[in-house]
C-alpha cells in the first residue's frame, strides 16, 4: 500500500515539476545578435498583421506566460526569451504589435 502511494506521489510531483518548468513568464532580453535569440521578432505598424499583441510592463510580476505582457530585463540570465528584432517580416518567428493597453495583449 505504501509503495502505491509513493508511486502516485512521485507521478504527481513529476507532472507538476514539468508544468512549472514549461510555463514560463514573458521576461525578455533584447540581444544584438540573431544567432543568440530564441525568438526573432518583427514589429508591425498594424495590429491586424500581428501574431501577438504585446504590452510592455514596468513590473516583472505582471509578465504572465504567453499572455503578451512582456517585461524587458537588462540581464540575459533573467530572461525567459532572448529576442532579436529584425527589419524583415520574412525573417521573423513572431510578428508583434505593441499596444498602449494591457487589456489588448495576447495571441491573435
PDB file of N, CA and C in Angstrom:
ATOM      1  N   UNK A   1       0.819  -1.201   0.000  1.00  0.00           N
ATOM      2  CA  UNK A   1       0.000   0.000   0.000  1.00  0.00           C
ATOM      3  C   UNK A   1       0.864   1.267   0.000  1.00  0.00           C
ATOM      4  N   UNK A   2       1.916   1.267   0.825  1.00  0.00           N
ATOM      5  CA  UNK A   2       2.802   2.427   0.891  1.00  0.00           C
ATOM      6  C   UNK A   2       3.525   2.642  -0.435  1.00  0.00           C
ATOM      7  N   UNK A   3       3.854   1.555  -1.121  1.00  0.00           N
ATOM      8  CA  UNK A   3       4.527   1.645  -2.405  1.00  0.00           C
ATOM      9  C   UNK A   3       3.615   2.299  -3.441  1.00  0.00           C
ATOM     10  N   UNK A   4       2.354   1.951  -3.416  1.00  0.00           N
ATOM     11  CA  UNK A   4       1.373   2.517  -4.353  1.00  0.00           C
ATOM     12  C   UNK A   4       1.214   4.021  -4.118  1.00  0.00           C
ATOM     13  N   UNK A   5       1.146   4.442  -2.880  1.00  0.00           N
ATOM     14  CA  UNK A   5       1.033   5.862  -2.534  1.00  0.00           C
ATOM     15  C   UNK A   5       2.293   6.606  -2.956  1.00  0.00           C
ATOM     16  N   UNK A   6       3.451   6.001  -2.746  1.00  0.00           N
ATOM     17  CA  UNK A   6       4.717   6.606  -3.141  1.00  0.00           C
ATOM     18  C   UNK A   6       4.788   6.793  -4.658  1.00  0.00           C
ATOM     19  N   UNK A   7       4.342   5.803  -5.411  1.00  0.00           N
ATOM     20  CA  UNK A   7       4.338   5.897  -6.880  1.00  0.00           C
ATOM     21  C   UNK A   7       3.400   7.011  -7.342  1.00  0.00           C
ATOM     22  N   UNK A   8       2.229   7.108  -6.755  1.00  0.00           N
ATOM     23  CA  UNK A   8       1.277   8.170  -7.107  1.00  0.00           C
ATOM     24  C   UNK A   8       1.870   9.531  -6.765  1.00  0.00           C
ATOM     25  N   UNK A   9       2.480   9.656  -5.602  1.00  0.00           N
ATOM     26  CA  UNK A   9       3.096  10.919  -5.201  1.00  0.00           C
ATOM     27  C   UNK A   9       4.186  11.323  -6.181  1.00  0.00           C
ATOM     28  N   UNK A  10       5.056  10.394  -6.553  1.00  0.00           N
ATOM     29  CA  UNK A  10       6.134  10.694  -7.490  1.00  0.00           C
ATOM     30  C   UNK A  10       5.598  11.082  -8.867  1.00  0.00           C
ATOM     31  N   UNK A  11       4.531  10.446  -9.303  1.00  0.00           N
ATOM     32  CA  UNK A  11       3.929  10.789 -10.594  1.00  0.00           C
ATOM     33  C   UNK A  11       3.359  12.202 -10.570  1.00  0.00           C
ATOM     34  N   UNK A  12       2.633  12.535  -9.517  1.00  0.00           N
ATOM     35  CA  UNK A  12       2.061  13.879  -9.393  1.00  0.00           C
ATOM     36  C   UNK A  12       3.166  14.920  -9.283  1.00  0.00           C
ATOM     37  N   UNK A  13       4.195  14.640  -8.517  1.00  0.00           N
ATOM     38  CA  UNK A  13       5.311  15.556  -8.369  1.00  0.00           C
ATOM     39  C   UNK A  13       6.013  15.782  -9.703  1.00  0.00           C
ATOM     40  N   UNK A  14       6.243  14.734 -10.466  1.00  0.00           N
ATOM     41  CA  UNK A  14       6.914  14.843 -11.767  1.00  0.00           C
ATOM     42  C   UNK A  14       6.104  15.688 -12.744  1.00  0.00           C
ATOM     43  N   UNK A  15       4.795  15.473 -12.788  1.00  0.00           N
ATOM     44  CA  UNK A  15       3.932  16.247 -13.678  1.00  0.00           C
ATOM     45  C   UNK A  15       3.924  17.717 -13.272  1.00  0.00           C
ATOM     46  N   UNK A  16       3.812  18.002 -11.993  1.00  0.00           N
ATOM     47  CA  UNK A  16       3.793  19.400 -11.547  1.00  0.00           C
ATOM     48  C   UNK A  16       5.127  20.089 -11.808  1.00  0.00           C
ATOM     49  N   UNK A  17       6.220  19.369 -11.680  1.00  0.00           N
ATOM     50  CA  UNK A  17       7.539  19.932 -11.976  1.00  0.00           C
ATOM     51  C   UNK A  17       7.660  20.251 -13.457  1.00  0.00           C
ATOM     52  N   UNK A  18       7.170  19.371 -14.323  1.00  0.00           N
ATOM     53  CA  UNK A  18       7.205  19.600 -15.772  1.00  0.00           C
ATOM     54  C   UNK A  18       6.369  20.805 -16.155  1.00  0.00           C
ATOM     55  N   UNK A  19       5.178  20.911 -15.623  1.00  0.00           N
ATOM     56  CA  UNK A  19       4.288  22.027 -15.947  1.00  0.00           C
ATOM     57  C   UNK A  19       4.882  23.346 -15.484  1.00  0.00           C
ATOM     58  N   UNK A  20       5.444  23.389 -14.294  1.00  0.00           N
ATOM     59  CA  UNK A  20       6.015  24.642 -13.789  1.00  0.00           C
ATOM     60  C   UNK A  20       7.246  25.060 -14.581  1.00  0.00           C
ATOM     61  N   UNK A  21       7.999  24.124 -15.112  1.00  0.00           N
ATOM     62  CA  UNK A  21       9.186  24.487 -15.877  1.00  0.00           C
ATOM     63  C   UNK A  21       8.852  24.947 -17.289  1.00  0.00           C
ATOM     64  N   UNK A  22       7.730  24.491 -17.861  1.00  0.00           N
ATOM     65  CA  UNK A  22       7.366  24.891 -19.212  1.00  0.00           C
ATOM     66  C   UNK A  22       6.501  26.143 -19.234  1.00  0.00           C
ATOM     67  N   UNK A  23       5.883  26.477 -18.130  1.00  0.00           N
ATOM     68  CA  UNK A  23       5.017  27.652 -18.076  1.00  0.00           C
ATOM     69  C   UNK A  23       5.801  28.858 -17.581  1.00  0.00           C
ATOM     70  N   UNK A  24       6.663  29.365 -18.427  1.00  0.00           N
ATOM     71  CA  UNK A  24       7.490  30.496 -18.030  1.00  0.00           C
ATOM     72  C   UNK A  24       6.786  31.805 -18.344  1.00  0.00           C
ATOM     73  N   UNK A  25       7.124  32.814 -17.581  1.00  0.00           N
ATOM     74  CA  UNK A  25       6.548  34.124 -17.864  1.00  0.00           C
ATOM     75  C   UNK A  25       7.291  34.752 -19.024  1.00  0.00           C
ATOM     76  N   UNK A  26       6.852  35.889 -19.450  1.00  0.00           N
ATOM     77  CA  UNK A  26       7.453  36.515 -20.617  1.00  0.00           C
ATOM     78  C   UNK A  26       8.375  37.652 -20.201  1.00  0.00           C
ATOM     79  N   UNK A  27       9.468  37.262 -19.593  1.00  0.00           N
ATOM     80  CA  UNK A  27      10.550  38.187 -19.287  1.00  0.00           C
ATOM     81  C   UNK A  27      11.513  38.072 -20.467  1.00  0.00           C
ATOM     82  N   UNK A  28      11.741  39.181 -21.147  1.00  0.00           N
ATOM     83  CA  UNK A  28      12.520  39.130 -22.385  1.00  0.00           C
ATOM     84  C   UNK A  28      13.777  39.990 -22.302  1.00  0.00           C
ATOM     85  N   UNK A  29      14.778  39.539 -23.013  1.00  0.00           N
ATOM     86  CA  UNK A  29      16.050  40.237 -23.125  1.00  0.00           C
ATOM     87  C   UNK A  29      16.301  40.474 -24.607  1.00  0.00           C
ATOM     88  N   UNK A  30      16.664  41.684 -24.971  1.00  0.00           N
ATOM     89  CA  UNK A  30      16.944  42.017 -26.363  1.00  0.00           C
ATOM     90  C   UNK A  30      18.415  41.752 -26.644  1.00  0.00           C
ATOM     91  N   UNK A  31      18.668  40.859 -27.575  1.00  0.00           N
ATOM     92  CA  UNK A  31      20.033  40.536 -27.943  1.00  0.00           C
ATOM     93  C   UNK A  31      20.426  41.283 -29.217  1.00  0.00           C
ATOM     94  N   UNK A  32      21.694  41.524 -29.368  1.00  0.00           N
ATOM     95  CA  UNK A  32      22.205  42.241 -30.538  1.00  0.00           C
ATOM     96  C   UNK A  32      22.473  41.308 -31.713  1.00  0.00           C
ATOM     97  N   UNK A  33      22.458  40.010 -31.433  1.00  0.00           N
ATOM     98  CA  UNK A  33      22.808  39.034 -32.461  1.00  0.00           C
ATOM     99  C   UNK A  33      21.674  38.053 -32.706  1.00  0.00           C
ATOM    100  N   UNK A  34      21.353  37.874 -33.959  1.00  0.00           N
ATOM    101  CA  UNK A  34      20.281  36.964 -34.365  1.00  0.00           C
ATOM    102  C   UNK A  34      20.553  35.535 -33.889  1.00  0.00           C
ATOM    103  N   UNK A  35      21.801  35.141 -33.907  1.00  0.00           N
ATOM    104  CA  UNK A  35      22.173  33.779 -33.518  1.00  0.00           C
ATOM    105  C   UNK A  35      21.984  33.508 -32.023  1.00  0.00           C
ATOM    106  N   UNK A  36      21.938  34.546 -31.202  1.00  0.00           N
ATOM    107  CA  UNK A  36      21.726  34.385 -29.761  1.00  0.00           C
ATOM    108  C   UNK A  36      20.252  34.312 -29.376  1.00  0.00           C
ATOM    109  N   UNK A  37      19.377  34.630 -30.307  1.00  0.00           N
ATOM    110  CA  UNK A  37      17.956  34.776 -29.986  1.00  0.00           C
ATOM    111  C   UNK A  37      17.210  33.446 -29.951  1.00  0.00           C
ATOM    112  N   UNK A  38      16.248  33.372 -29.025  1.00  0.00           N
ATOM    113  CA  UNK A  38      15.298  32.258 -29.001  1.00  0.00           C
ATOM    114  C   UNK A  38      14.163  32.535 -29.990  1.00  0.00           C
ATOM    115  N   UNK A  39      13.787  33.803 -30.086  1.00  0.00           N
ATOM    116  CA  UNK A  39      12.702  34.238 -30.976  1.00  0.00           C
ATOM    117  C   UNK A  39      13.173  35.441 -31.783  1.00  0.00           C
ATOM    118  N   UNK A  40      12.851  35.426 -33.068  1.00  0.00           N
ATOM    119  CA  UNK A  40      13.148  36.566 -33.930  1.00  0.00           C
ATOM    120  C   UNK A  40      11.831  37.308 -34.139  1.00  0.00           C
ATOM    121  N   UNK A  41      11.850  38.595 -33.822  1.00  0.00           N
ATOM    122  CA  UNK A  41      10.626  39.400 -33.757  1.00  0.00           C
ATOM    123  C   UNK A  41      10.627  40.479 -34.830  1.00  0.00           C
ATOM    124  N   UNK A  42       9.489  40.614 -35.484  1.00  0.00           N
ATOM    125  CA  UNK A  42       9.250  41.734 -36.394  1.00  0.00           C
ATOM    126  C   UNK A  42       8.131  42.570 -35.788  1.00  0.00           C
ATOM    127  N   UNK A  43       8.332  43.870 -35.699  1.00  0.00           N
ATOM    128  CA  UNK A  43       7.321  44.764 -35.132  1.00  0.00           C
ATOM    129  C   UNK A  43       6.512  45.363 -36.271  1.00  0.00           C
ATOM    130  N   UNK A  44       5.218  45.106 -36.234  1.00  0.00           N
ATOM    131  CA  UNK A  44       4.304  45.610 -37.246  1.00  0.00           C
ATOM    132  C   UNK A  44       3.699  46.936 -36.812  1.00  0.00           C
ATOM    133  N   UNK A  45       3.391  47.759 -37.790  1.00  0.00           N
ATOM    134  CA  UNK A  45       2.700  49.017 -37.511  1.00  0.00           C
ATOM    135  C   UNK A  45       1.196  48.804 -37.382  1.00  0.00           C
ATOM    136  N   UNK A  46       0.743  47.615 -37.776  1.00  0.00           N
ATOM    137  CA  UNK A  46      -0.694  47.334 -37.819  1.00  0.00           C
ATOM    138  C   UNK A  46      -1.046  46.141 -36.943  1.00  0.00           C
ATOM    139  N   UNK A  47      -2.019  46.319 -36.106  1.00  0.00           N
ATOM    140  CA  UNK A  47      -2.484  45.278 -35.203  1.00  0.00           C
ATOM    141  C   UNK A  47      -2.991  44.061 -35.974  1.00  0.00           C
ATOM    142  N   UNK A  48      -3.597  44.295 -37.120  1.00  0.00           N
ATOM    143  CA  UNK A  48      -4.166  43.207 -37.910  1.00  0.00           C
ATOM    144  C   UNK A  48      -3.100  42.278 -38.503  1.00  0.00           C
ATOM    145  N   UNK A  49      -1.865  42.722 -38.621  1.00  0.00           N
ATOM    146  CA  UNK A  49      -0.772  41.895 -39.146  1.00  0.00           C
ATOM    147  C   UNK A  49      -0.109  41.035 -38.069  1.00  0.00           C
ATOM    148  N   UNK A  50      -0.388  41.309 -36.825  1.00  0.00           N
ATOM    149  CA  UNK A  50       0.365  40.714 -35.721  1.00  0.00           C
ATOM    150  C   UNK A  50      -0.098  39.310 -35.357  1.00  0.00           C
ATOM    151  N   UNK A  51       0.880  38.481 -34.964  1.00  0.00           N
ATOM    152  CA  UNK A  51       0.594  37.181 -34.357  1.00  0.00           C
ATOM    153  C   UNK A  51       0.307  37.364 -32.870  1.00  0.00           C
ATOM    154  N   UNK A  52       0.957  38.379 -32.295  1.00  0.00           N
ATOM    155  CA  UNK A  52       0.804  38.665 -30.873  1.00  0.00           C
ATOM    156  C   UNK A  52       0.763  40.170 -30.655  1.00  0.00           C
ATOM    157  N   UNK A  53      -0.171  40.591 -29.817  1.00  0.00           N
ATOM    158  CA  UNK A  53      -0.229  41.990 -29.390  1.00  0.00           C
ATOM    159  C   UNK A  53       0.488  42.043 -28.044  1.00  0.00           C
ATOM    160  N   UNK A  54       1.493  42.922 -27.965  1.00  0.00           N
ATOM    161  CA  UNK A  54       2.367  42.972 -26.795  1.00  0.00           C
ATOM    162  C   UNK A  54       2.172  44.273 -26.030  1.00  0.00           C
ATOM    163  N   UNK A  55       2.069  44.123 -24.722  1.00  0.00           N
ATOM    164  CA  UNK A  55       2.044  45.265 -23.812  1.00  0.00           C
ATOM    165  C   UNK A  55       3.324  45.205 -22.994  1.00  0.00           C
ATOM    166  N   UNK A  56       4.074  46.281 -22.981  1.00  0.00           N
ATOM    167  CA  UNK A  56       5.310  46.354 -22.207  1.00  0.00           C
ATOM    168  C   UNK A  56       5.001  46.854 -20.807  1.00  0.00           C
ATOM    169  N   UNK A  57       5.287  46.028 -19.813  1.00  0.00           N
ATOM    170  CA  UNK A  57       5.014  46.381 -18.429  1.00  0.00           C
ATOM    171  C   UNK A  57       6.282  46.857 -17.724  1.00  0.00           C
ATOM    172  N   UNK A  58       6.097  47.648 -16.701  1.00  0.00           N
ATOM    173  CA  UNK A  58       7.210  48.144 -15.900  1.00  0.00           C
ATOM    174  C   UNK A  58       7.563  47.185 -14.761  1.00  0.00           C
ATOM    175  N   UNK A  59       6.691  46.201 -14.524  1.00  0.00           N
ATOM    176  CA  UNK A  59       6.847  45.319 -13.369  1.00  0.00           C
ATOM    177  C   UNK A  59       6.996  43.869 -13.806  1.00  0.00           C
ATOM    178  N   UNK A  60       8.044  43.236 -13.340  1.00  0.00           N
ATOM    179  CA  UNK A  60       8.312  41.843 -13.684  1.00  0.00           C
ATOM    180  C   UNK A  60       7.165  40.929 -13.263  1.00  0.00           C
ATOM    181  N   UNK A  61       6.534  41.237 -12.164  1.00  0.00           N
ATOM    182  CA  UNK A  61       5.441  40.401 -11.655  1.00  0.00           C
ATOM    183  C   UNK A  61       4.203  40.422 -12.547  1.00  0.00           C
ATOM    184  N   UNK A  62       4.077  41.414 -13.420  1.00  0.00           N
ATOM    185  CA  UNK A  62       2.943  41.476 -14.344  1.00  0.00           C
ATOM    186  C   UNK A  62       3.084  40.534 -15.531  1.00  0.00           C
ATOM    187  N   UNK A  63       4.303  40.131 -15.848  1.00  0.00           N
ATOM    188  CA  UNK A  63       4.550  39.267 -17.003  1.00  0.00           C
ATOM    189  C   UNK A  63       4.002  37.870 -16.720  1.00  0.00           C
ATOM    190  N   UNK A  64       3.114  37.427 -17.589  1.00  0.00           N
ATOM    191  CA  UNK A  64       2.475  36.116 -17.433  1.00  0.00           C
ATOM    192  C   UNK A  64       2.820  35.236 -18.625  1.00  0.00           C
ATOM    193  N   UNK A  65       2.783  33.913 -18.440  1.00  0.00           N
ATOM    194  CA  UNK A  65       3.120  33.001 -19.537  1.00  0.00           C
ATOM    195  C   UNK A  65       2.217  33.194 -20.755  1.00  0.00           C
ATOM    196  N   UNK A  66       2.832  33.419 -21.889  1.00  0.00           N
ATOM    197  CA  UNK A  66       2.156  33.501 -23.185  1.00  0.00           C
ATOM    198  C   UNK A  66       0.964  34.459 -23.197  1.00  0.00           C
ATOM    199  N   UNK A  67       1.066  35.530 -22.433  1.00  0.00           N
ATOM    200  CA  UNK A  67      -0.031  36.490 -22.319  1.00  0.00           C
ATOM    201  C   UNK A  67       0.129  37.690 -23.233  1.00  0.00           C
ATOM    202  N   UNK A  68       1.341  37.911 -23.707  1.00  0.00           N
ATOM    203  CA  UNK A  68       1.622  39.113 -24.481  1.00  0.00           C
ATOM    204  C   UNK A  68       2.029  40.283 -23.596  1.00  0.00           C
ATOM    205  N   UNK A  69       2.115  40.058 -22.313  1.00  0.00           N
ATOM    206  CA  UNK A  69       2.585  41.086 -21.382  1.00  0.00           C
ATOM    207  C   UNK A  69       4.064  40.809 -21.140  1.00  0.00           C
ATOM    208  N   UNK A  70       4.900  41.686 -21.679  1.00  0.00           N
ATOM    209  CA  UNK A  70       6.345  41.488 -21.634  1.00  0.00           C
ATOM    210  C   UNK A  70       7.005  42.443 -20.663  1.00  0.00           C
ATOM    211  N   UNK A  71       7.982  41.919 -19.964  1.00  0.00           N
ATOM    212  CA  UNK A  71       8.851  42.721 -19.116  1.00  0.00           C
ATOM    213  C   UNK A  71      10.257  42.609 -19.710  1.00  0.00           C
ATOM    214  N   UNK A  72      10.849  43.734 -20.062  1.00  0.00           N
ATOM    215  CA  UNK A  72      12.189  43.743 -20.638  1.00  0.00           C
ATOM    216  C   UNK A  72      13.221  43.846 -19.526  1.00  0.00           C
ATOM    217  N   UNK A  73      14.110  42.882 -19.481  1.00  0.00           N
ATOM    218  CA  UNK A  73      15.156  42.851 -18.470  1.00  0.00           C
ATOM    219  C   UNK A  73      16.496  43.298 -19.062  1.00  0.00           C
ATOM    220  N   UNK A  74      17.360  43.792 -18.216  1.00  0.00           N
ATOM    221  CA  UNK A  74      18.687  44.220 -18.637  1.00  0.00           C
ATOM    222  C   UNK A  74      19.678  43.053 -18.617  1.00  0.00           C
ATOM    223  N   UNK A  75      19.256  41.951 -18.013  1.00  0.00           N
ATOM    224  CA  UNK A  75      20.164  40.834 -17.796  1.00  0.00           C
ATOM    225  C   UNK A  75      19.711  39.585 -18.541  1.00  0.00           C
ATOM    226  N   UNK A  76      20.593  39.075 -19.354  1.00  0.00           N
ATOM    227  CA  UNK A  76      20.326  37.885 -20.162  1.00  0.00           C
ATOM    228  C   UNK A  76      19.923  36.690 -19.293  1.00  0.00           C
ATOM    229  N   UNK A  77      20.543  36.554 -18.144  1.00  0.00           N
ATOM    230  CA  UNK A  77      20.288  35.412 -17.262  1.00  0.00           C
ATOM    231  C   UNK A  77      18.890  35.443 -16.637  1.00  0.00           C
ATOM    232  N   UNK A  78      18.254  36.598 -16.578  1.00  0.00           N
ATOM    233  CA  UNK A  78      16.903  36.712 -16.018  1.00  0.00           C
ATOM    234  C   UNK A  78      15.815  36.397 -17.033  1.00  0.00           C
ATOM    235  N   UNK A  79      16.169  36.338 -18.300  1.00  0.00           N
ATOM    236  CA  UNK A  79      15.175  36.255 -19.372  1.00  0.00           C
ATOM    237  C   UNK A  79      14.638  34.847 -19.583  1.00  0.00           C
ATOM    238  N   UNK A  80      13.349  34.787 -19.915  1.00  0.00           N
ATOM    239  CA  UNK A  80      12.730  33.552 -20.381  1.00  0.00           C
ATOM    240  C   UNK A  80      12.913  33.426 -21.890  1.00  0.00           C
ATOM    241  N   UNK A  81      12.874  34.554 -22.567  1.00  0.00           N
ATOM    242  CA  UNK A  81      13.083  34.617 -24.023  1.00  0.00           C
ATOM    243  C   UNK A  81      14.188  35.609 -24.307  1.00  0.00           C
ATOM    244  N   UNK A  82      15.106  35.226 -25.169  1.00  0.00           N
ATOM    245  CA  UNK A  82      16.079  36.167 -25.725  1.00  0.00           C
ATOM    246  C   UNK A  82      15.561  36.481 -27.126  1.00  0.00           C
ATOM    247  N   UNK A  83      15.325  37.755 -27.401  1.00  0.00           N
ATOM    248  CA  UNK A  83      14.731  38.126 -28.678  1.00  0.00           C
ATOM    249  C   UNK A  83      15.651  39.021 -29.488  1.00  0.00           C
ATOM    250  N   UNK A  84      15.454  38.966 -30.783  1.00  0.00           N
ATOM    251  CA  UNK A  84      16.185  39.806 -31.723  1.00  0.00           C
ATOM    252  C   UNK A  84      15.145  40.459 -32.621  1.00  0.00           C
ATOM    253  N   UNK A  85      15.217  41.775 -32.753  1.00  0.00           N
ATOM    254  CA  UNK A  85      14.294  42.491 -33.629  1.00  0.00           C
ATOM    255  C   UNK A  85      14.872  42.554 -35.031  1.00  0.00           C
ATOM    256  N   UNK A  86      14.098  42.092 -36.005  1.00  0.00           N
ATOM    257  CA  UNK A  86      14.525  42.109 -37.394  1.00  0.00           C
ATOM    258  C   UNK A  86      13.783  43.197 -38.167  1.00  0.00           C
ATOM    259  N   UNK A  87      14.378  43.643 -39.240  1.00  0.00           N
ATOM    260  CA  UNK A  87      13.756  44.653 -40.104  1.00  0.00           C
ATOM    261  C   UNK A  87      12.835  44.012 -41.142  1.00  0.00           C
ATOM    262  N   UNK A  88      12.948  42.691 -41.268  1.00  0.00           N
ATOM    263  CA  UNK A  88      12.236  42.000 -42.342  1.00  0.00           C
ATOM    264  C   UNK A  88      11.217  41.007 -41.788  1.00  0.00           C
ATOM    265  N   UNK A  89       9.987  41.165 -42.202  1.00  0.00           N
ATOM    266  CA  UNK A  89       8.894  40.310 -41.748  1.00  0.00           C
ATOM    267  C   UNK A  89       9.147  38.842 -42.109  1.00  0.00           C
ATOM    268  N   UNK A  90       9.765  38.611 -43.249  1.00  0.00           N
ATOM    269  CA  UNK A  90      10.009  37.240 -43.702  1.00  0.00           C
ATOM    270  C   UNK A  90      11.030  36.495 -42.834  1.00  0.00           C
ATOM    271  N   UNK A  91      11.851  37.212 -42.086  1.00  0.00           N
ATOM    272  CA  UNK A  91      12.839  36.593 -41.188  1.00  0.00           C
ATOM    273  C   UNK A  91      12.261  36.248 -39.813  1.00  0.00           C
ATOM    274  N   UNK A  92      11.090  36.752 -39.519  1.00  0.00           N
ATOM    275  CA  UNK A  92      10.559  36.675 -38.160  1.00  0.00           C
ATOM    276  C   UNK A  92       9.909  35.337 -37.823  1.00  0.00           C
ATOM    277  N   UNK A  93      10.068  34.955 -36.549  1.00  0.00           N
ATOM    278  CA  UNK A  93       9.322  33.829 -35.989  1.00  0.00           C
ATOM    279  C   UNK A  93       7.940  34.310 -35.542  1.00  0.00           C
ATOM    280  N   UNK A  94       7.914  35.537 -35.008  1.00  0.00           N
ATOM    281  CA  UNK A  94       6.684  36.113 -34.480  1.00  0.00           C
ATOM    282  C   UNK A  94       6.582  37.564 -34.940  1.00  0.00           C
ATOM    283  N   UNK A  95       5.395  37.941 -35.401  1.00  0.00           N
ATOM    284  CA  UNK A  95       5.105  39.331 -35.751  1.00  0.00           C
ATOM    285  C   UNK A  95       4.316  39.910 -34.585  1.00  0.00           C
ATOM    286  N   UNK A  96       4.828  41.014 -34.023  1.00  0.00           N
ATOM    287  CA  UNK A  96       4.168  41.621 -32.864  1.00  0.00           C
ATOM    288  C   UNK A  96       3.744  43.054 -33.169  1.00  0.00           C
ATOM    289  N   UNK A  97       2.761  43.466 -32.420  1.00  0.00           N
ATOM    290  CA  UNK A  97       2.291  44.849 -32.435  1.00  0.00           C
ATOM    291  C   UNK A  97       2.291  45.311 -30.993  1.00  0.00           C
ATOM    292  N   UNK A  98       2.938  46.436 -30.717  1.00  0.00           N
ATOM    293  CA  UNK A  98       2.975  46.969 -29.359  1.00  0.00           C
ATOM    294  C   UNK A  98       1.766  47.861 -29.122  1.00  0.00           C
ATOM    295  N   UNK A  99       1.083  47.607 -28.017  1.00  0.00           N
ATOM    296  CA  UNK A  99      -0.118  48.351 -27.662  1.00  0.00           C
ATOM    297  C   UNK A  99       0.117  49.179 -26.403  1.00  0.00           C
ATOM    298  N   UNK A 100      -0.707  50.186 -26.224  1.00  0.00           N
ATOM    299  CA  UNK A 100      -0.656  51.021 -25.025  1.00  0.00           C
ATOM    300  C   UNK A 100      -1.553  50.465 -23.918  1.00  0.00           C
ATOM    301  N   UNK A 101      -2.367  49.460 -24.269  1.00  0.00           N
ATOM    302  CA  UNK A 101      -3.385  48.959 -23.354  1.00  0.00           C
ATOM    303  C   UNK A 101      -3.122  47.509 -22.969  1.00  0.00           C
ATOM    304  N   UNK A 102      -2.996  47.272 -21.690  1.00  0.00           N
ATOM    305  CA  UNK A 102      -2.735  45.924 -21.167  1.00  0.00           C
ATOM    306  C   UNK A 102      -3.818  44.943 -21.566  1.00  0.00           C
ATOM    307  N   UNK A 103      -5.045  45.408 -21.627  1.00  0.00           N
ATOM    308  CA  UNK A 103      -6.169  44.513 -21.951  1.00  0.00           C
ATOM    309  C   UNK A 103      -6.145  44.019 -23.402  1.00  0.00           C
ATOM    310  N   UNK A 104      -5.403  44.658 -24.277  1.00  0.00           N
ATOM    311  CA  UNK A 104      -5.291  44.236 -25.671  1.00  0.00           C
ATOM    312  C   UNK A 104      -4.267  43.118 -25.875  1.00  0.00           C
ATOM    313  N   UNK A 105      -3.406  42.887 -24.904  1.00  0.00           N
ATOM    314  CA  UNK A 105      -2.295  41.956 -25.050  1.00  0.00           C
ATOM    315  C   UNK A 105      -2.768  40.520 -25.220  1.00  0.00           C
ATOM    316  N   UNK A 106      -2.025  39.775 -26.043  1.00  0.00           N
ATOM    317  CA  UNK A 106      -2.299  38.354 -26.202  1.00  0.00           C
ATOM    318  C   UNK A 106      -2.055  37.874 -27.621  1.00  0.00           C
ATOM    319  N   UNK A 107      -2.172  36.559 -27.781  1.00  0.00           N
ATOM    320  CA  UNK A 107      -2.044  35.954 -29.109  1.00  0.00           C
ATOM    321  C   UNK A 107      -3.282  36.230 -29.915  1.00  0.00           C
ATOM    322  N   UNK A 108      -3.121  36.329 -31.225  1.00  0.00           N
ATOM    323  CA  UNK A 108      -4.252  36.576 -32.111  1.00  0.00           C
ATOM    324  C   UNK A 108      -4.519  35.348 -32.942  1.00  0.00           C
TER     325      UNK A 108
END
